[in-house]
């Protein structure tokens, strides 16, 4: 399997660089064992706090974060 590095767009609300977050947690249900999301880097220091919805794969979380209204998919 080849890893592809996906570029993250800046936060759509404040322009800050985003952080990637991948979480592993114990769960009996495989669907909830791993999830990833992208958040605004300013969310930790009183910034805008924008966070994408959690996704199973980081590539899906990045695609959701990079999606902009009026810009297609």
C-alpha atoms as a PDB file:
ATOM      1  CA  UNK A   1       0.000   0.000   0.000  1.00  0.00           C
ATOM      2  CA  UNK A   2       1.352   3.390  -1.001  1.00  0.00           C
ATOM      3  CA  UNK A   3       0.930   6.354   1.313  1.00  0.00           C
ATOM      4  CA  UNK A   4      -0.121   9.600  -0.317  1.00  0.00           C
ATOM      5  CA  UNK A   5       0.430  12.840   1.531  1.00  0.00           C
ATOM      6  CA  UNK A   6      -2.666  15.030   1.245  1.00  0.00           C
ATOM      7  CA  UNK A   7      -2.352  18.785   1.562  1.00  0.00           C
ATOM      8  CA  UNK A   8      -4.556  20.514   4.130  1.00  0.00           C
ATOM      9  CA  UNK A   9      -6.107  23.864   3.310  1.00  0.00           C
ATOM     10  CA  UNK A  10      -6.041  26.597   5.974  1.00  0.00           C
ATOM     11  CA  UNK A  11      -8.967  26.986   8.365  1.00  0.00           C
ATOM     12  CA  UNK A  12     -11.941  28.333   6.365  1.00  0.00           C
ATOM     13  CA  UNK A  13     -12.862  30.754   9.154  1.00  0.00           C
ATOM     14  CA  UNK A  14      -9.639  32.223  10.541  1.00  0.00           C
ATOM     15  CA  UNK A  15      -6.924  31.111   8.069  1.00  0.00           C
ATOM     16  CA  UNK A  16      -4.798  29.266  10.658  1.00  0.00           C
ATOM     17  CA  UNK A  17      -2.963  26.068   9.778  1.00  0.00           C
ATOM     18  CA  UNK A  18      -4.862  22.917  10.745  1.00  0.00           C
ATOM     19  CA  UNK A  19      -3.816  19.952  12.902  1.00  0.00           C
ATOM     20  CA  UNK A  20      -4.409  16.301  11.990  1.00  0.00           C
ATOM     21  CA  UNK A  21      -5.671  14.103  14.796  1.00  0.00           C
ATOM     22  CA  UNK A  22      -5.947  10.305  14.759  1.00  0.00           C
ATOM     23  CA  UNK A  23      -7.406   8.588  17.809  1.00  0.00           C
ATOM     24  CA  UNK A  24      -7.319   4.931  18.757  1.00  0.00           C
ATOM     25  CA  UNK A  25      -9.550   3.801  21.558  1.00  0.00           C
ATOM     26  CA  UNK A  26     -10.595   0.431  22.915  1.00  0.00           C
ATOM     27  CA  UNK A  27     -13.997  -0.591  21.612  1.00  0.00           C
ATOM     28  CA  UNK A  28     -15.812  -3.824  20.954  1.00  0.00           C
ATOM     29  CA  UNK A  29     -17.238  -2.294  17.784  1.00  0.00           C
ATOM     30  CA  UNK A  30     -14.610  -2.084  14.998  1.00  0.00           C
ATOM     31  CA  UNK A  31     -16.333   0.966  13.469  1.00  0.00           C
ATOM     32  CA  UNK A  32     -15.460   3.087  16.495  1.00  0.00           C
ATOM     33  CA  UNK A  33     -11.983   1.803  17.271  1.00  0.00           C
ATOM     34  CA  UNK A  34     -10.156   4.339  15.112  1.00  0.00           C
ATOM     35  CA  UNK A  35     -11.231   7.764  13.983  1.00  0.00           C
ATOM     36  CA  UNK A  36      -9.553  10.834  12.571  1.00  0.00           C
ATOM     37  CA  UNK A  37     -10.435  14.473  12.340  1.00  0.00           C
ATOM     38  CA  UNK A  38      -8.877  17.806  11.439  1.00  0.00           C
ATOM     39  CA  UNK A  39      -9.041  20.853  13.686  1.00  0.00           C
ATOM     40  CA  UNK A  40      -7.936  24.460  13.565  1.00  0.00           C
ATOM     41  CA  UNK A  41      -4.561  24.860  15.269  1.00  0.00           C
ATOM     42  CA  UNK A  42      -5.899  27.915  17.066  1.00  0.00           C
ATOM     43  CA  UNK A  43      -8.603  25.839  18.779  1.00  0.00           C
ATOM     44  CA  UNK A  44      -6.194  25.055  21.626  1.00  0.00           C
ATOM     45  CA  UNK A  45      -5.387  28.686  22.433  1.00  0.00           C
ATOM     46  CA  UNK A  46      -8.738  30.436  22.343  1.00  0.00           C
ATOM     47  CA  UNK A  47      -8.991  30.591  18.556  1.00  0.00           C
ATOM     48  CA  UNK A  48     -11.970  29.851  16.360  1.00  0.00           C
ATOM     49  CA  UNK A  49     -12.287  26.183  17.433  1.00  0.00           C
ATOM     50  CA  UNK A  50     -13.326  24.734  14.064  1.00  0.00           C
ATOM     51  CA  UNK A  51     -13.252  20.916  13.953  1.00  0.00           C
ATOM     52  CA  UNK A  52     -14.215  18.570  11.106  1.00  0.00           C
ATOM     53  CA  UNK A  53     -16.495  15.604  11.681  1.00  0.00           C
ATOM     54  CA  UNK A  54     -14.691  12.427  12.707  1.00  0.00           C
ATOM     55  CA  UNK A  55     -14.022   9.915   9.942  1.00  0.00           C
ATOM     56  CA  UNK A  56     -12.668   6.390   9.928  1.00  0.00           C
ATOM     57  CA  UNK A  57      -9.671   7.261   7.738  1.00  0.00           C
ATOM     58  CA  UNK A  58      -7.464  10.344   7.797  1.00  0.00           C
ATOM     59  CA  UNK A  59      -7.834  10.766   4.021  1.00  0.00           C
ATOM     60  CA  UNK A  60     -11.626  11.104   4.500  1.00  0.00           C
ATOM     61  CA  UNK A  61     -11.165  13.633   7.306  1.00  0.00           C
ATOM     62  CA  UNK A  62      -8.789  15.705   5.143  1.00  0.00           C
ATOM     63  CA  UNK A  63     -11.188  15.595   2.185  1.00  0.00           C
ATOM     64  CA  UNK A  64     -14.021  16.804   4.435  1.00  0.00           C
ATOM     65  CA  UNK A  65     -11.863  19.607   5.848  1.00  0.00           C
ATOM     66  CA  UNK A  66     -10.721  20.741   2.405  1.00  0.00           C
ATOM     67  CA  UNK A  67     -14.245  20.867   0.997  1.00  0.00           C
ATOM     68  CA  UNK A  68     -15.443  24.436   0.499  1.00  0.00           C
ATOM     69  CA  UNK A  69     -18.908  25.691  -0.421  1.00  0.00           C
ATOM     70  CA  UNK A  70     -19.074  26.745  -4.056  1.00  0.00           C
ATOM     71  CA  UNK A  71     -15.798  25.007  -4.958  1.00  0.00           C
ATOM     72  CA  UNK A  72     -17.233  21.627  -6.013  1.00  0.00           C
ATOM     73  CA  UNK A  73     -16.058  18.470  -4.279  1.00  0.00           C
END
